Amino acid sequence: MKKILILTLAVALGAGGLFAIKVSAEPLGARRAQGPLLQRAKERLGLTDDQAVQIRGVLKDESATLTKLARAVNDGRTKLRGVIQKADATESEIRAAAAELGKVQADMAVERHKLFGKLKPILTADQLATLAEMQERLDSFIDGAISTFEERLAQ
């Protein structure tokens, strides 16, 4: 689970923001991911206590917007999945649901870019370099997983 949190952080920062959602089998809201996530980021990036406080403040200021967008993305994904699994779904229905999800994901990407713009000045050059390395490792991991998937399907 800890690896998933670090990978989630790397993905979020790599795409332009420090926004991550911890997915678990517990009911929504049963656990707060921000504390443990920020602690792992603090350890991995070597954040000072002051940096952690600053980051927490930025995240708190943006939490309403990010939560709204995260819910919209989840709703869009749920709707698209429902349309895909509908027995009599048409291509146009699937494309419409996918386009709707795409719009929400674009809105989220823009918001994450704004958020990253607020967080980047808090980090040192070394921390940004460490973050870039983490992102490269994550990209390699995902590329490897895709290749493995492709190979297994070819068998």
C-alpha atoms as a PDB file:
ATOM      1  CA  MET A   1       0.000   0.000   0.000  1.00  0.00           C
ATOM      2  CA  LYS A   2       2.901   2.353   0.746  1.00  0.00           C
ATOM      3  CA  LYS A   3       4.286   1.831  -2.767  1.00  0.00           C
ATOM      4  CA  ILE A   4       0.906   2.742  -4.212  1.00  0.00           C
ATOM      5  CA  LEU A   5       0.911   5.989  -2.241  1.00  0.00           C
ATOM      6  CA  ILE A   6       4.374   6.937  -3.439  1.00  0.00           C
ATOM      7  CA  LEU A   7       3.485   6.059  -7.030  1.00  0.00           C
ATOM      8  CA  THR A   8       0.274   8.073  -6.727  1.00  0.00           C
ATOM      9  CA  LEU A   9       2.228  11.064  -5.445  1.00  0.00           C
ATOM     10  CA  ALA A  10       4.725  10.747  -8.277  1.00  0.00           C
ATOM     11  CA  VAL A  11       1.953  10.573 -10.862  1.00  0.00           C
ATOM     12  CA  ALA A  12       0.160  13.553  -9.375  1.00  0.00           C
ATOM     13  CA  LEU A  13       3.269  15.707  -9.239  1.00  0.00           C
ATOM     14  CA  GLY A  14       4.442  14.522 -12.617  1.00  0.00           C
ATOM     15  CA  ALA A  15       1.227  15.553 -14.254  1.00  0.00           C
ATOM     16  CA  GLY A  16       1.391  18.970 -12.701  1.00  0.00           C
ATOM     17  CA  GLY A  17       0.143  18.843  -9.168  1.00  0.00           C
ATOM     18  CA  LEU A  18       0.306  17.400  -5.734  1.00  0.00           C
ATOM     19  CA  PHE A  19      -3.117  15.847  -5.778  1.00  0.00           C
ATOM     20  CA  ALA A  20      -3.644  12.240  -4.980  1.00  0.00           C
ATOM     21  CA  ILE A  21      -6.478  10.019  -3.999  1.00  0.00           C
ATOM     22  CA  LYS A  22      -5.882   6.976  -1.853  1.00  0.00           C
ATOM     23  CA  VAL A  23      -8.162   4.152  -2.883  1.00  0.00           C
ATOM     24  CA  SER A  24      -8.950   1.499  -0.321  1.00  0.00           C
ATOM     25  CA  ALA A  25     -11.653  -0.964   0.603  1.00  0.00           C
ATOM     26  CA  GLU A  26     -12.778   1.278   3.448  1.00  0.00           C
ATOM     27  CA  PRO A  27     -15.819   3.518   3.119  1.00  0.00           C
ATOM     28  CA  LEU A  28     -15.222   6.941   1.581  1.00  0.00           C
ATOM     29  CA  GLY A  29     -13.902   9.297   4.197  1.00  0.00           C
ATOM     30  CA  ALA A  30     -13.056   6.558   6.708  1.00  0.00           C
ATOM     31  CA  ARG A  31      -9.356   7.382   6.486  1.00  0.00           C
ATOM     32  CA  ARG A  32      -7.595  10.564   5.568  1.00  0.00           C
ATOM     33  CA  ALA A  33      -4.901  10.011   2.957  1.00  0.00           C
ATOM     34  CA  GLN A  34      -3.373  13.483   3.108  1.00  0.00           C
ATOM     35  CA  GLY A  35      -1.506  12.926   6.379  1.00  0.00           C
ATOM     36  CA  PRO A  36       0.191   9.642   5.479  1.00  0.00           C
ATOM     37  CA  LEU A  37       0.739  10.794   1.894  1.00  0.00           C
ATOM     38  CA  LEU A  38       2.373  14.018   2.977  1.00  0.00           C
ATOM     39  CA  GLN A  39       4.502  12.076   5.473  1.00  0.00           C
ATOM     40  CA  ARG A  40       5.751   9.754   2.710  1.00  0.00           C
ATOM     41  CA  ALA A  41       6.459  12.736   0.461  1.00  0.00           C
ATOM     42  CA  LYS A  42       8.300  14.361   3.345  1.00  0.00           C
ATOM     43  CA  GLU A  43      10.468  11.264   3.726  1.00  0.00           C
ATOM     44  CA  ARG A  44      11.076  10.599   0.017  1.00  0.00           C
ATOM     45  CA  LEU A  45      11.738  14.194  -0.981  1.00  0.00           C
ATOM     46  CA  GLY A  46      13.390  15.250   2.262  1.00  0.00           C
ATOM     47  CA  LEU A  47      10.840  17.962   2.959  1.00  0.00           C
ATOM     48  CA  THR A  48      11.440  20.177   5.952  1.00  0.00           C
ATOM     49  CA  ASP A  49       8.698  20.705   8.505  1.00  0.00           C
ATOM     50  CA  ASP A  50       8.204  24.215   7.108  1.00  0.00           C
ATOM     51  CA  GLN A  51       7.815  22.886   3.562  1.00  0.00           C
ATOM     52  CA  ALA A  52       5.294  20.295   4.746  1.00  0.00           C
ATOM     53  CA  VAL A  53       3.275  23.010   6.505  1.00  0.00           C
ATOM     54  CA  GLN A  54       3.345  25.173   3.359  1.00  0.00           C
ATOM     55  CA  ILE A  55       2.265  22.276   1.138  1.00  0.00           C
ATOM     56  CA  ARG A  56      -0.494  21.309   3.534  1.00  0.00           C
ATOM     57  CA  GLY A  57      -1.721  24.921   3.457  1.00  0.00           C
ATOM     58  CA  VAL A  58      -1.807  24.995  -0.349  1.00  0.00           C
ATOM     59  CA  LEU A  59      -3.665  21.685  -0.457  1.00  0.00           C
ATOM     60  CA  LYS A  60      -6.134  22.887   2.151  1.00  0.00           C
ATOM     61  CA  ASP A  61      -6.794  26.081   0.193  1.00  0.00           C
ATOM     62  CA  GLU A  62      -7.473  24.070  -2.969  1.00  0.00           C
ATOM     63  CA  SER A  63      -9.286  21.145  -1.358  1.00  0.00           C
ATOM     64  CA  ALA A  64     -12.829  22.209  -2.310  1.00  0.00           C
ATOM     65  CA  THR A  65     -11.954  22.604  -5.988  1.00  0.00           C
ATOM     66  CA  LEU A  66      -9.897  19.414  -6.118  1.00  0.00           C
ATOM     67  CA  THR A  67     -12.570  17.408  -4.322  1.00  0.00           C
ATOM     68  CA  LYS A  68     -15.263  18.671  -6.687  1.00  0.00           C
ATOM     69  CA  LEU A  69     -13.172  17.763  -9.719  1.00  0.00           C
ATOM     70  CA  ALA A  70     -12.165  14.376  -8.296  1.00  0.00           C
ATOM     71  CA  ARG A  71     -15.824  13.529  -7.752  1.00  0.00           C
ATOM     72  CA  ALA A  72     -16.663  14.671 -11.272  1.00  0.00           C
ATOM     73  CA  VAL A  73     -13.886  12.480 -12.716  1.00  0.00           C
ATOM     74  CA  ASN A  74     -15.101   9.494 -10.713  1.00  0.00           C
ATOM     75  CA  ASP A  75     -18.694  10.119 -11.769  1.00  0.00           C
ATOM     76  CA  GLY A  76     -17.587  10.369 -15.406  1.00  0.00           C
ATOM     77  CA  ARG A  77     -15.629   7.132 -15.192  1.00  0.00           C
ATOM     78  CA  THR A  78     -18.568   5.377 -13.553  1.00  0.00           C
ATOM     79  CA  LYS A  79     -20.941   6.661 -16.218  1.00  0.00           C
ATOM     80  CA  LEU A  80     -18.602   5.608 -19.039  1.00  0.00           C
ATOM     81  CA  ARG A  81     -18.196   2.142 -17.549  1.00  0.00           C
ATOM     82  CA  GLY A  82     -21.963   1.819 -17.307  1.00  0.00           C
ATOM     83  CA  VAL A  83     -22.411   2.786 -20.946  1.00  0.00           C
ATOM     84  CA  ILE A  84     -19.646   0.413 -22.074  1.00  0.00           C
ATOM     85  CA  GLN A  85     -21.277  -2.461 -20.211  1.00  0.00           C
ATOM     86  CA  LYS A  86     -24.779  -1.659 -21.410  1.00  0.00           C
ATOM     87  CA  ALA A  87     -25.940  -4.416 -23.761  1.00  0.00           C
ATOM     88  CA  ASP A  88     -27.516  -2.107 -26.320  1.00  0.00           C
ATOM     89  CA  ALA A  89     -25.040   0.775 -26.105  1.00  0.00           C
ATOM     90  CA  THR A  90     -24.336   2.602 -29.325  1.00  0.00           C
ATOM     91  CA  GLU A  91     -20.985   3.905 -30.429  1.00  0.00           C
ATOM     92  CA  SER A  92     -22.306   7.469 -30.183  1.00  0.00           C
ATOM     93  CA  GLU A  93     -23.383   6.925 -26.553  1.00  0.00           C
ATOM     94  CA  ILE A  94     -19.954   5.567 -25.689  1.00  0.00           C
ATOM     95  CA  ARG A  95     -18.211   8.438 -27.466  1.00  0.00           C
ATOM     96  CA  ALA A  96     -20.449  10.991 -25.715  1.00  0.00           C
ATOM     97  CA  ALA A  97     -19.719   9.520 -22.286  1.00  0.00           C
ATOM     98  CA  ALA A  98     -15.995   9.357 -23.081  1.00  0.00           C
ATOM     99  CA  ALA A  99     -15.994  12.968 -24.309  1.00  0.00           C
ATOM    100  CA  GLU A 100     -17.753  14.077 -21.142  1.00  0.00           C
ATOM    101  CA  LEU A 101     -15.125  12.313 -19.045  1.00  0.00           C
ATOM    102  CA  GLY A 102     -12.383  13.832 -21.204  1.00  0.00           C
ATOM    103  CA  LYS A 103     -13.668  17.336 -20.533  1.00  0.00           C
ATOM    104  CA  VAL A 104     -13.657  16.755 -16.786  1.00  0.00           C
ATOM    105  CA  GLN A 105     -10.167  15.243 -16.968  1.00  0.00           C
ATOM    106  CA  ALA A 106      -8.995  18.315 -18.890  1.00  0.00           C
ATOM    107  CA  ASP A 107     -10.464  20.550 -16.191  1.00  0.00           C
ATOM    108  CA  MET A 108      -8.606  18.490 -13.587  1.00  0.00           C
ATOM    109  CA  ALA A 109      -5.355  18.737 -15.555  1.00  0.00           C
ATOM    110  CA  VAL A 110      -5.621  22.518 -15.698  1.00  0.00           C
ATOM    111  CA  GLU A 111      -6.295  22.679 -11.963  1.00  0.00           C
ATOM    112  CA  ARG A 112      -3.361  20.370 -11.242  1.00  0.00           C
ATOM    113  CA  HIS A 113      -1.137  22.618 -13.354  1.00  0.00           C
ATOM    114  CA  LYS A 114      -2.211  25.624 -11.282  1.00  0.00           C
ATOM    115  CA  LEU A 115      -1.600  23.669  -8.090  1.00  0.00           C
ATOM    116  CA  PHE A 116       1.851  22.571  -9.221  1.00  0.00           C
ATOM    117  CA  GLY A 117       2.653  26.213  -9.959  1.00  0.00           C
ATOM    118  CA  LYS A 118       1.962  26.972  -6.306  1.00  0.00           C
ATOM    119  CA  LEU A 119       3.905  23.976  -4.994  1.00  0.00           C
ATOM    120  CA  LYS A 120       7.001  24.119  -7.190  1.00  0.00           C
ATOM    121  CA  PRO A 121       8.449  27.236  -5.499  1.00  0.00           C
ATOM    122  CA  ILE A 122       8.249  25.468  -2.135  1.00  0.00           C
ATOM    123  CA  LEU A 123      10.595  22.693  -3.308  1.00  0.00           C
ATOM    124  CA  THR A 124      14.359  22.965  -3.684  1.00  0.00           C
ATOM    125  CA  ALA A 125      16.205  22.133  -6.900  1.00  0.00           C
ATOM    126  CA  ASP A 126      17.379  18.836  -5.368  1.00  0.00           C
ATOM    127  CA  GLN A 127      13.835  17.926  -4.348  1.00  0.00           C
ATOM    128  CA  LEU A 128      12.569  18.693  -7.849  1.00  0.00           C
ATOM    129  CA  ALA A 129      15.346  16.492  -9.268  1.00  0.00           C
ATOM    130  CA  THR A 130      14.363  13.684  -6.884  1.00  0.00           C
ATOM    131  CA  LEU A 131      10.766  14.108  -7.954  1.00  0.00           C
ATOM    132  CA  ALA A 132      11.767  13.915 -11.624  1.00  0.00           C
ATOM    133  CA  GLU A 133      13.649  10.667 -10.911  1.00  0.00           C
ATOM    134  CA  MET A 134      10.599   9.245  -9.146  1.00  0.00           C
ATOM    135  CA  GLN A 135       8.463  10.171 -12.141  1.00  0.00           C
ATOM    136  CA  GLU A 136      10.888   8.504 -14.547  1.00  0.00           C
ATOM    137  CA  ARG A 137      10.845   5.318 -12.472  1.00  0.00           C
ATOM    138  CA  LEU A 138       7.060   5.380 -12.431  1.00  0.00           C
ATOM    139  CA  ASP A 139       6.920   5.878 -16.208  1.00  0.00           C
ATOM    140  CA  SER A 140       9.307   2.938 -16.673  1.00  0.00           C
ATOM    141  CA  PHE A 141       7.226   0.806 -14.320  1.00  0.00           C
ATOM    142  CA  ILE A 142       4.038   1.583 -16.251  1.00  0.00           C
ATOM    143  CA  ASP A 143       5.748   0.969 -19.602  1.00  0.00           C
ATOM    144  CA  GLY A 144       6.929  -2.390 -18.287  1.00  0.00           C
ATOM    145  CA  ALA A 145       3.450  -3.285 -17.064  1.00  0.00           C
ATOM    146  CA  ILE A 146       1.980  -2.451 -20.473  1.00  0.00           C
ATOM    147  CA  SER A 147       4.633  -4.546 -22.214  1.00  0.00           C
ATOM    148  CA  THR A 148       3.962  -7.461 -19.863  1.00  0.00           C
ATOM    149  CA  PHE A 149       0.239  -7.167 -20.535  1.00  0.00           C
ATOM    150  CA  GLU A 150       0.859  -7.134 -24.286  1.00  0.00           C
ATOM    151  CA  GLU A 151       3.173 -10.160 -24.089  1.00  0.00           C
ATOM    152  CA  ARG A 152       0.723 -12.176 -22.023  1.00  0.00           C
ATOM    153  CA  LEU A 153      -2.124 -11.435 -24.392  1.00  0.00           C
ATOM    154  CA  ALA A 154       0.024 -12.533 -27.326  1.00  0.00           C
ATOM    155  CA  GLN A 155       0.563 -15.993 -25.814  1.00  0.00           C
END
